[in-house]
Protein backbone atom coordinates (compact mmCIF):
# COMPACT_ATOMS: atom_id res chain seq x y z
CA MET A 1 -7.38 -26.20 49.41
CA THR A 2 -4.76 -24.04 47.68
CA ILE A 3 -1.27 -23.31 48.97
CA GLU A 4 -2.29 -19.71 49.56
CA GLU A 5 -5.28 -20.76 51.65
CA SER A 6 -3.03 -23.10 53.69
CA LEU A 7 -0.55 -20.27 54.28
CA ASP A 8 -3.42 -18.00 55.34
CA MET A 9 -4.54 -20.68 57.85
CA LEU A 10 -0.99 -20.89 59.25
CA ASP A 11 -0.91 -17.10 59.62
CA GLU A 12 -4.26 -17.17 61.40
CA LEU A 13 -3.10 -20.02 63.65
CA LEU A 14 0.01 -18.04 64.62
CA ASP A 15 -1.97 -14.83 65.10
CA ASN A 16 -4.45 -16.60 67.42
CA ALA A 17 -1.80 -18.64 69.30
CA LYS A 18 -1.30 -18.11 73.03
CA GLN A 19 1.97 -16.60 74.16
CA VAL A 20 4.23 -18.61 76.41
CA PRO A 21 4.58 -16.81 79.72
CA PHE A 22 7.98 -15.29 80.33
CA ALA A 23 9.20 -16.25 76.83
CA ASN A 24 9.79 -13.41 74.44
CA LYS A 25 7.87 -13.88 71.15
CA LYS A 26 7.18 -17.56 71.71
CA VAL A 27 3.70 -18.99 71.23
CA LEU A 28 1.92 -22.27 71.79
CA VAL A 29 0.42 -23.90 68.72
CA ASP A 30 -1.40 -27.12 68.04
CA PRO A 31 1.23 -29.30 66.33
CA ASP A 32 -1.40 -31.64 64.91
CA ARG A 33 -3.19 -28.71 63.29
CA ILE A 34 0.10 -27.41 61.82
CA ARG A 35 1.00 -30.89 60.52
CA SER A 36 -2.48 -31.17 58.97
CA ILE A 37 -2.06 -27.84 57.17
CA MET A 38 1.47 -28.79 56.06
CA GLU A 39 0.17 -32.12 54.74
CA ASP A 40 -2.51 -30.21 52.76
CA MET A 41 0.27 -28.03 51.38
CA ARG A 42 2.32 -31.09 50.35
CA VAL A 43 -0.71 -32.60 48.66
CA ASN A 44 -1.69 -29.35 46.95
CA LEU A 45 1.82 -28.26 46.04
CA PRO A 46 2.05 -30.57 42.99
CA ASN A 47 -1.37 -29.33 41.83
CA GLU A 48 -0.27 -25.73 42.28
CA ILE A 49 2.93 -26.45 40.40
CA LYS A 50 0.95 -28.18 37.64
CA ARG A 51 -1.40 -25.17 37.40
CA ALA A 52 1.55 -22.78 37.34
CA LYS A 53 3.24 -24.90 34.67
CA ALA A 54 -0.01 -25.03 32.66
CA LEU A 55 -0.34 -21.25 32.96
CA ASN A 56 3.28 -20.84 31.93
CA ASP A 57 2.80 -23.20 28.96
CA GLU A 58 -0.36 -21.35 27.94
CA SER A 59 1.37 -17.98 28.18
CA GLU A 60 4.27 -19.31 26.10
CA LYS A 61 1.77 -20.59 23.53
CA ILE A 62 0.02 -17.22 23.47
CA ILE A 63 3.36 -15.46 23.03
CA ALA A 64 4.38 -17.91 20.27
CA ASP A 65 1.03 -17.37 18.51
CA ALA A 66 1.41 -13.61 18.86
CA ASN A 67 4.93 -13.82 17.41
CA LYS A 68 3.66 -15.91 14.49
CA LYS A 69 0.87 -13.39 13.85
CA ALA A 70 3.37 -10.54 14.07
CA ASP A 71 5.67 -12.34 11.63
CA ARG A 72 2.76 -12.92 9.22
CA LEU A 73 1.70 -9.27 9.51
CA LEU A 74 5.27 -8.14 8.91
CA LYS A 75 5.62 -10.44 5.92
CA THR A 76 2.29 -9.21 4.52
CA ALA A 77 3.35 -5.61 5.07
CA GLU A 78 6.68 -6.26 3.34
CA GLU A 79 4.91 -7.91 0.39
CA ARG A 80 2.50 -4.99 0.13
CA ALA A 81 5.41 -2.57 0.27
CA LYS A 82 7.16 -4.49 -2.53
CA ILE A 83 3.95 -4.41 -4.60
CA LEU A 84 3.55 -0.67 -3.99
CA ILE A 85 7.17 -0.07 -4.94
CA ALA A 86 6.74 -2.22 -8.04
CA ASN A 87 3.50 -0.41 -8.88
CA GLU A 88 5.28 2.90 -8.39
CA ALA A 89 8.00 1.75 -10.80
CA VAL A 90 5.35 0.65 -13.30
CA VAL A 91 3.53 3.98 -12.96
CA LYS A 92 6.81 5.88 -13.39
CA LYS A 93 7.66 3.84 -16.47
CA ALA A 94 4.14 4.38 -17.84
CA ARG A 95 4.47 8.13 -17.23
CA ASP A 96 7.88 8.16 -18.93
CA ASN A 97 6.46 6.19 -21.87
CA ALA A 98 3.47 8.53 -22.06
CA ALA A 99 5.79 11.57 -22.06
CA GLU A 100 7.86 9.97 -24.83
CA ILE A 101 4.74 9.17 -26.86
CA ILE A 102 3.46 12.74 -26.41
CA ALA A 103 6.85 14.15 -27.49
CA LYS A 104 6.85 11.92 -30.59
CA ALA A 105 3.23 12.86 -31.33
CA ASN A 106 4.09 16.56 -31.04
CA ALA A 107 7.09 16.09 -33.36
CA MET A 108 4.92 14.17 -35.85
CA ASP A 109 2.26 16.90 -35.59
CA THR A 110 4.90 19.52 -36.44
CA GLN A 111 6.19 17.45 -39.38
CA ILE A 112 2.67 16.83 -40.69
CA ARG A 113 1.78 20.51 -40.41
CA GLN A 114 4.95 21.51 -42.23
CA ALA A 115 4.38 18.91 -44.97
CA MET A 116 0.71 19.92 -45.28
CA THR A 117 1.64 23.59 -45.49
CA ALA A 118 4.24 22.88 -48.22
CA LYS A 119 1.76 20.67 -50.14
CA LEU A 120 -1.01 23.28 -49.88
CA ASP A 121 1.42 25.99 -50.99
CA ARG A 122 2.34 23.89 -54.08
CA LEU A 123 -1.34 23.19 -54.81
CA PHE A 124 -2.26 26.85 -54.46
CA ALA A 125 0.71 27.83 -56.62
CA GLN A 126 -0.39 25.31 -59.29
CA SER A 127 -4.00 26.52 -59.02
CA GLU A 128 -2.86 30.13 -59.25
CA LYS A 129 -0.79 29.29 -62.35
CA SER A 130 -3.70 27.37 -63.88
CA PHE A 131 -6.05 30.27 -63.17
CA ALA A 132 -3.49 32.74 -64.56
CA ASP A 133 -3.06 30.57 -67.69
CA GLY A 134 -6.84 30.25 -68.02
CA LEU A 135 -7.28 34.00 -67.52
CA ALA A 136 -4.63 34.66 -70.19
CA GLN A 137 -6.45 32.32 -72.58
CA ILE A 138 -9.77 34.02 -71.79
CA ARG A 139 -8.21 37.41 -72.46
CA GLN A 140 -6.76 36.15 -75.75
CA ALA A 141 -10.09 34.66 -76.71
CA ARG A 142 -11.87 37.91 -75.82
CA ALA A 143 -9.35 39.93 -77.76
CA ALA A 144 -9.72 37.58 -80.73
CA VAL A 145 -13.51 37.91 -80.56
CA LYS A 146 -13.27 41.71 -80.40
CA SER A 147 -10.80 41.75 -83.23
CA ALA A 148 -12.95 39.47 -85.39
CA SER A 149 -16.03 41.52 -84.62
CA ALA A 150 -14.24 44.72 -85.45
CA LYS A 151 -13.15 43.31 -88.82
CA LYS A 152 -16.69 42.38 -89.70
CA ASP A 153 -17.95 45.73 -88.71
CA ASN A 154 -15.37 47.33 -90.97
CA ASP A 155 -16.18 45.16 -93.91
């Protein structure tokens, strides 16, 4: 029998007790029955205390486990945050490096275009001179042929 059940029996015993005539709020109870209930309470009280202590210990264990889980979750979250921050730094550095590489590539592209344009201009100028020299030689040769042919026709 639990302490609560024993207390309920005492309440019932008092509720069903006979009132003492001419005595205000006094009742007659069976002392043996009350002693029996009190003895049950004394016997059950250590068990009730043990159960309450066990429940308290279990609740403390549950709270300790919950705190450990919360600490692990917090640590995991902090580690993930550090990784994300580190990844963000890596991404930023990669973007900066990419921008630098693109800027250098654009500068090299400009230099190559300028060098290619200057080289092509020299080549075209040399070709133009060679063609002009060749054309002058062709004109001289043509004039020489005409002149030689005109001499033979006159002779």
